[in-house]
C-alpha atoms as a PDB file:
ATOM      1  CA  UNK A   1       8.991  -9.361  -7.884  1.00  0.00           C
ATOM      2  CA  UNK A   2       7.948  -9.487  -4.291  1.00  0.00           C
ATOM      3  CA  UNK A   3      10.036  -8.736  -1.232  1.00  0.00           C
ATOM      4  CA  UNK A   4       9.112 -10.379   2.061  1.00  0.00           C
ATOM      5  CA  UNK A   5      10.600  -9.971   5.506  1.00  0.00           C
ATOM      6  CA  UNK A   6      11.250 -13.013   7.672  1.00  0.00           C
ATOM      7  CA  UNK A   7      12.891 -13.671  11.007  1.00  0.00           C
ATOM      8  CA  UNK A   8      15.881 -15.995  11.079  1.00  0.00           C
ATOM      9  CA  UNK A   9      13.707 -18.591  12.820  1.00  0.00           C
ATOM     10  CA  UNK A  10      11.080 -18.502  10.069  1.00  0.00           C
ATOM     11  CA  UNK A  11      13.728 -18.453   7.318  1.00  0.00           C
ATOM     12  CA  UNK A  12      15.425 -21.507   8.842  1.00  0.00           C
ATOM     13  CA  UNK A  13      12.122 -23.403   8.941  1.00  0.00           C
ATOM     14  CA  UNK A  14      11.285 -22.518   5.314  1.00  0.00           C
ATOM     15  CA  UNK A  15      14.814 -22.474   3.870  1.00  0.00           C
ATOM     16  CA  UNK A  16      14.388 -24.948   0.985  1.00  0.00           C
ATOM     17  CA  UNK A  17      11.137 -23.394  -0.228  1.00  0.00           C
ATOM     18  CA  UNK A  18      12.666 -19.899   0.006  1.00  0.00           C
ATOM     19  CA  UNK A  19      15.647 -20.968  -2.098  1.00  0.00           C
ATOM     20  CA  UNK A  20      13.406 -22.507  -4.753  1.00  0.00           C
ATOM     21  CA  UNK A  21      11.085 -19.487  -4.798  1.00  0.00           C
ATOM     22  CA  UNK A  22      13.910 -16.947  -4.966  1.00  0.00           C
ATOM     23  CA  UNK A  23      15.484 -18.816  -7.863  1.00  0.00           C
ATOM     24  CA  UNK A  24      12.350 -19.229  -9.937  1.00  0.00           C
ATOM     25  CA  UNK A  25       9.974 -16.371  -9.102  1.00  0.00           C
ATOM     26  CA  UNK A  26      12.338 -13.419  -8.613  1.00  0.00           C
ATOM     27  CA  UNK A  27      11.258 -13.142  -5.002  1.00  0.00           C
ATOM     28  CA  UNK A  28      13.491 -11.492  -2.420  1.00  0.00           C
ATOM     29  CA  UNK A  29      13.600 -12.156   1.280  1.00  0.00           C
ATOM     30  CA  UNK A  30      14.927  -9.769   3.899  1.00  0.00           C
ATOM     31  CA  UNK A  31      16.011 -11.852   6.874  1.00  0.00           C
ATOM     32  CA  UNK A  32      15.964 -10.176  10.261  1.00  0.00           C
ATOM     33  CA  UNK A  33      17.826 -11.021  13.432  1.00  0.00           C
ATOM     34  CA  UNK A  34      16.336  -9.618  16.621  1.00  0.00           C
ATOM     35  CA  UNK A  35      14.069  -7.403  14.548  1.00  0.00           C
ATOM     36  CA  UNK A  36      16.824  -5.808  12.453  1.00  0.00           C
ATOM     37  CA  UNK A  37      17.469  -6.571   8.764  1.00  0.00           C
ATOM     38  CA  UNK A  38      20.707  -8.539   8.500  1.00  0.00           C
ATOM     39  CA  UNK A  39      20.648 -10.400   5.168  1.00  0.00           C
ATOM     40  CA  UNK A  40      18.861 -10.649   1.837  1.00  0.00           C
ATOM     41  CA  UNK A  41      18.123 -13.816  -0.093  1.00  0.00           C
ATOM     42  CA  UNK A  42      17.540 -13.563  -3.854  1.00  0.00           C
ATOM     43  CA  UNK A  43      17.987 -15.768  -6.877  1.00  0.00           C
ATOM     44  CA  UNK A  44      21.442 -16.161  -8.410  1.00  0.00           C
ATOM     45  CA  UNK A  45      20.330 -14.750 -11.780  1.00  0.00           C
ATOM     46  CA  UNK A  46      18.984 -11.580 -10.169  1.00  0.00           C
ATOM     47  CA  UNK A  47      22.136 -11.272  -8.056  1.00  0.00           C
ATOM     48  CA  UNK A  48      24.312 -11.504 -11.194  1.00  0.00           C
ATOM     49  CA  UNK A  49      22.210  -8.711 -12.722  1.00  0.00           C
ATOM     50  CA  UNK A  50      22.803  -6.531  -9.675  1.00  0.00           C
ATOM     51  CA  UNK A  51      26.555  -7.171  -9.859  1.00  0.00           C
ATOM     52  CA  UNK A  52      26.637  -6.272 -13.554  1.00  0.00           C
ATOM     53  CA  UNK A  53      24.703  -3.065 -12.890  1.00  0.00           C
ATOM     54  CA  UNK A  54      27.099  -2.101 -10.097  1.00  0.00           C
ATOM     55  CA  UNK A  55      30.080  -2.796 -12.347  1.00  0.00           C
ATOM     56  CA  UNK A  56      28.684  -0.597 -15.117  1.00  0.00           C
ATOM     57  CA  UNK A  57      27.750   2.186 -12.704  1.00  0.00           C
ATOM     58  CA  UNK A  58      31.231   2.229 -11.204  1.00  0.00           C
ATOM     59  CA  UNK A  59      33.057   2.632 -14.517  1.00  0.00           C
ATOM     60  CA  UNK A  60      34.676   6.063 -15.025  1.00  0.00           C
ATOM     61  CA  UNK A  61      33.153   6.502 -18.505  1.00  0.00           C
ATOM     62  CA  UNK A  62      29.638   5.880 -17.179  1.00  0.00           C
ATOM     63  CA  UNK A  63      30.189   8.326 -14.313  1.00  0.00           C
ATOM     64  CA  UNK A  64      31.410  10.960 -16.792  1.00  0.00           C
ATOM     65  CA  UNK A  65      28.411  10.385 -19.075  1.00  0.00           C
ATOM     66  CA  UNK A  66      26.022  10.663 -16.129  1.00  0.00           C
ATOM     67  CA  UNK A  67      27.654  13.888 -14.929  1.00  0.00           C
ATOM     68  CA  UNK A  68      27.379  15.335 -18.445  1.00  0.00           C
ATOM     69  CA  UNK A  69      23.713  14.330 -18.678  1.00  0.00           C
ATOM     70  CA  UNK A  70      22.987  15.979 -15.326  1.00  0.00           C
ATOM     71  CA  UNK A  71      24.695  19.209 -16.440  1.00  0.00           C
ATOM     72  CA  UNK A  72      22.692  19.210 -19.671  1.00  0.00           C
ATOM     73  CA  UNK A  73      19.471  18.552 -17.773  1.00  0.00           C
ATOM     74  CA  UNK A  74      20.124  21.432 -15.365  1.00  0.00           C
ATOM     75  CA  UNK A  75      20.814  23.658 -18.378  1.00  0.00           C
ATOM     76  CA  UNK A  76      17.459  22.661 -19.879  1.00  0.00           C
ATOM     77  CA  UNK A  77      18.964  20.765 -22.813  1.00  0.00           C
ATOM     78  CA  UNK A  78      16.670  17.774 -23.132  1.00  0.00           C
ATOM     79  CA  UNK A  79      15.254  15.689 -25.943  1.00  0.00           C
ATOM     80  CA  UNK A  80      11.656  14.560 -26.117  1.00  0.00           C
ATOM     81  CA  UNK A  81      10.815  10.878 -26.355  1.00  0.00           C
ATOM     82  CA  UNK A  82       9.682  11.463 -29.952  1.00  0.00           C
ATOM     83  CA  UNK A  83      13.055  13.013 -30.830  1.00  0.00           C
ATOM     84  CA  UNK A  84      14.855   9.962 -29.485  1.00  0.00           C
ATOM     85  CA  UNK A  85      12.686   7.091 -30.706  1.00  0.00           C
ATOM     86  CA  UNK A  86      10.533   8.724 -33.338  1.00  0.00           C
ATOM     87  CA  UNK A  87       6.833   9.331 -33.426  1.00  0.00           C
ATOM     88  CA  UNK A  88       4.664   6.370 -32.497  1.00  0.00           C
ATOM     89  CA  UNK A  89       2.279   5.170 -35.112  1.00  0.00           C
ATOM     90  CA  UNK A  90      -1.204   4.157 -34.043  1.00  0.00           C
ATOM     91  CA  UNK A  91      -1.610   0.409 -33.715  1.00  0.00           C
ATOM     92  CA  UNK A  92      -3.245  -1.258 -36.683  1.00  0.00           C
ATOM     93  CA  UNK A  93      -6.856  -2.130 -36.074  1.00  0.00           C
ATOM     94  CA  UNK A  94      -7.664  -5.779 -36.034  1.00  0.00           C
ATOM     95  CA  UNK A  95     -10.720  -6.929 -37.819  1.00  0.00           C
ATOM     96  CA  UNK A  96     -13.198  -8.956 -35.846  1.00  0.00           C
ATOM     97  CA  UNK A  97     -13.350 -12.656 -36.716  1.00  0.00           C
ATOM     98  CA  UNK A  98     -16.469 -13.608 -38.668  1.00  0.00           C
END
């Protein structure tokens, strides 16, 4: 997931390849105009993911849950990773092929 910065002139010259790359390789392009960032090009699938994340993060129930989690964290009430997902077992050893 790379992010590159391009001028509008360079983006115009490479437009088709940028579109293909953004759609298939999860690349992002920040496009500048007169040296200032003005736009971002990314693939449609990644954009949809961003929109979904923003929708979830703006829901009142999510905001309430986040506020509660922050209060609990400040109060020192935390769970360890092991308490949440259980203790990890060591990976089974593979025998070497003969």
